[in-house]
Amino acid sequence: MIACTCLVQAGQISAETQGALRESIDGFARRALGAPAEITWTEVPRNSGYTANAPSTSSIVSIRANAKLDQPRRVTLLEELCGLWMEQTKCSLNEIVGVISDPQES
């Protein structure tokens, strides 16, 4: 399983869009990393996240790869991951923080 954490603002993403994102992220993990995604979805309560004195519209999607990635491969995967998020949510690149980290060392 590929650990994935999605952190969004409450009310920002509909249940339908969340379902589509879960499906897209799982497909991405299977294609790119060869294993299904285990997604933890967390909503920040209303009025708890702000950017520039306004309610935040930002999201974080963080995936822990199952093998070390070289930088060119990581960049390609991040572009794909952020692209699928933007396509589903209609947010801009400035509203998403994408992370693909290497496996945790034991």
Protein backbone atom coordinates (compact mmCIF):
# COMPACT_ATOMS: atom_id res chain seq x y z
CA MET A 1 0.00 0.00 0.00
CA ILE A 2 1.09 3.53 -0.78
CA ALA A 3 0.36 5.91 2.10
CA CYS A 4 -1.37 9.08 0.94
CA THR A 5 -2.62 11.98 3.05
CA CYS A 6 -5.02 14.58 1.70
CA LEU A 7 -5.59 17.70 3.80
CA VAL A 8 -8.36 20.02 2.62
CA GLN A 9 -10.50 22.83 3.98
CA ALA A 10 -13.96 21.77 5.19
CA GLY A 11 -16.62 22.35 2.55
CA GLN A 12 -14.04 22.94 -0.16
CA ILE A 13 -14.40 19.62 -1.96
CA SER A 14 -17.72 17.88 -2.55
CA ALA A 15 -18.25 14.22 -1.74
CA GLU A 16 -18.46 13.52 -5.47
CA THR A 17 -15.13 15.24 -6.15
CA GLN A 18 -13.54 13.50 -3.16
CA GLY A 19 -14.61 10.15 -4.61
CA ALA A 20 -13.15 11.05 -7.99
CA LEU A 21 -9.90 12.19 -6.35
CA ARG A 22 -9.63 8.96 -4.36
CA GLU A 23 -10.09 6.95 -7.55
CA SER A 24 -7.58 9.08 -9.49
CA ILE A 25 -4.97 8.96 -6.73
CA ASP A 26 -5.34 5.20 -6.42
CA GLY A 27 -4.90 4.83 -10.18
CA PHE A 28 -1.86 7.11 -10.05
CA ALA A 29 -0.29 5.07 -7.23
CA ARG A 30 -0.90 1.79 -9.06
CA ARG A 31 0.56 3.11 -12.34
CA ALA A 32 3.45 5.12 -10.94
CA LEU A 33 4.43 3.08 -7.87
CA GLY A 34 2.94 -0.34 -8.53
CA ALA A 35 0.68 -0.53 -5.47
CA PRO A 36 -2.76 0.74 -4.40
CA ALA A 37 -3.12 3.94 -2.39
CA GLU A 38 -4.19 3.94 1.24
CA ILE A 39 -5.73 7.40 1.53
CA THR A 40 -6.23 9.34 4.74
CA TRP A 41 -8.61 12.25 4.11
CA THR A 42 -8.54 15.07 6.66
CA GLU A 43 -10.67 18.21 6.62
CA VAL A 44 -9.50 21.34 8.41
CA PRO A 45 -12.55 22.81 10.23
CA ARG A 46 -14.05 26.01 8.84
CA ASN A 47 -12.31 29.18 10.03
CA SER A 48 -9.20 27.22 11.04
CA GLY A 49 -7.08 27.71 7.92
CA TYR A 50 -6.17 31.12 6.53
CA THR A 51 -3.95 32.51 3.80
CA ALA A 52 -3.34 36.26 3.59
CA ASN A 53 -6.13 36.98 6.10
CA ALA A 54 -8.74 35.07 4.08
CA PRO A 55 -10.08 31.53 4.48
CA SER A 56 -7.60 29.21 2.82
CA THR A 57 -8.42 27.46 -0.44
CA SER A 58 -5.24 25.38 -0.32
CA SER A 59 -4.98 21.60 -0.23
CA ILE A 60 -2.11 19.26 0.55
CA VAL A 61 -1.69 15.87 -1.07
CA SER A 62 1.25 13.87 0.26
CA ILE A 63 2.35 10.43 -0.92
CA ARG A 64 5.10 8.25 0.53
CA ALA A 65 6.74 6.30 -2.28
CA ASN A 66 7.66 2.67 -1.75
CA ALA A 67 11.15 3.14 -3.24
CA LYS A 68 13.62 6.01 -3.44
CA LEU A 69 13.02 8.26 -6.43
CA ASP A 70 15.59 10.20 -8.37
CA GLN A 71 14.79 13.90 -8.79
CA PRO A 72 13.72 13.81 -12.47
CA ARG A 73 11.25 10.97 -11.75
CA ARG A 74 9.93 12.79 -8.64
CA VAL A 75 9.34 15.97 -10.66
CA THR A 76 7.46 14.04 -13.35
CA LEU A 77 5.29 12.29 -10.75
CA LEU A 78 4.58 15.54 -8.87
CA GLU A 79 3.50 17.22 -12.09
CA GLU A 80 1.11 14.33 -12.77
CA LEU A 81 -0.22 14.25 -9.20
CA CYS A 82 -0.81 18.01 -9.04
CA GLY A 83 -2.32 17.91 -12.53
CA LEU A 84 -4.91 15.31 -11.58
CA TRP A 85 -5.77 17.27 -8.41
CA MET A 86 -6.21 20.51 -10.37
CA GLU A 87 -8.30 18.75 -13.03
CA GLN A 88 -10.71 17.31 -10.45
CA THR A 89 -10.94 20.36 -8.15
CA LYS A 90 -10.49 23.19 -10.68
CA CYS A 91 -7.99 24.79 -8.27
CA SER A 92 -4.82 26.50 -9.45
CA LEU A 93 -1.28 25.25 -8.93
CA ASN A 94 -0.92 27.98 -6.28
CA GLU A 95 -3.62 26.24 -4.20
CA ILE A 96 -2.02 22.80 -3.98
CA VAL A 97 0.98 21.53 -2.10
CA GLY A 98 2.07 18.23 -3.61
CA VAL A 99 4.57 15.97 -1.87
CA ILE A 100 6.05 12.65 -2.91
CA SER A 101 8.53 11.54 -0.27
CA ASP A 102 10.90 8.59 -0.21
CA PRO A 103 10.20 5.62 2.09
CA GLN A 104 10.96 6.16 5.73
CA GLU A 105 14.34 4.70 6.66
CA SER A 106 14.31 2.05 9.38
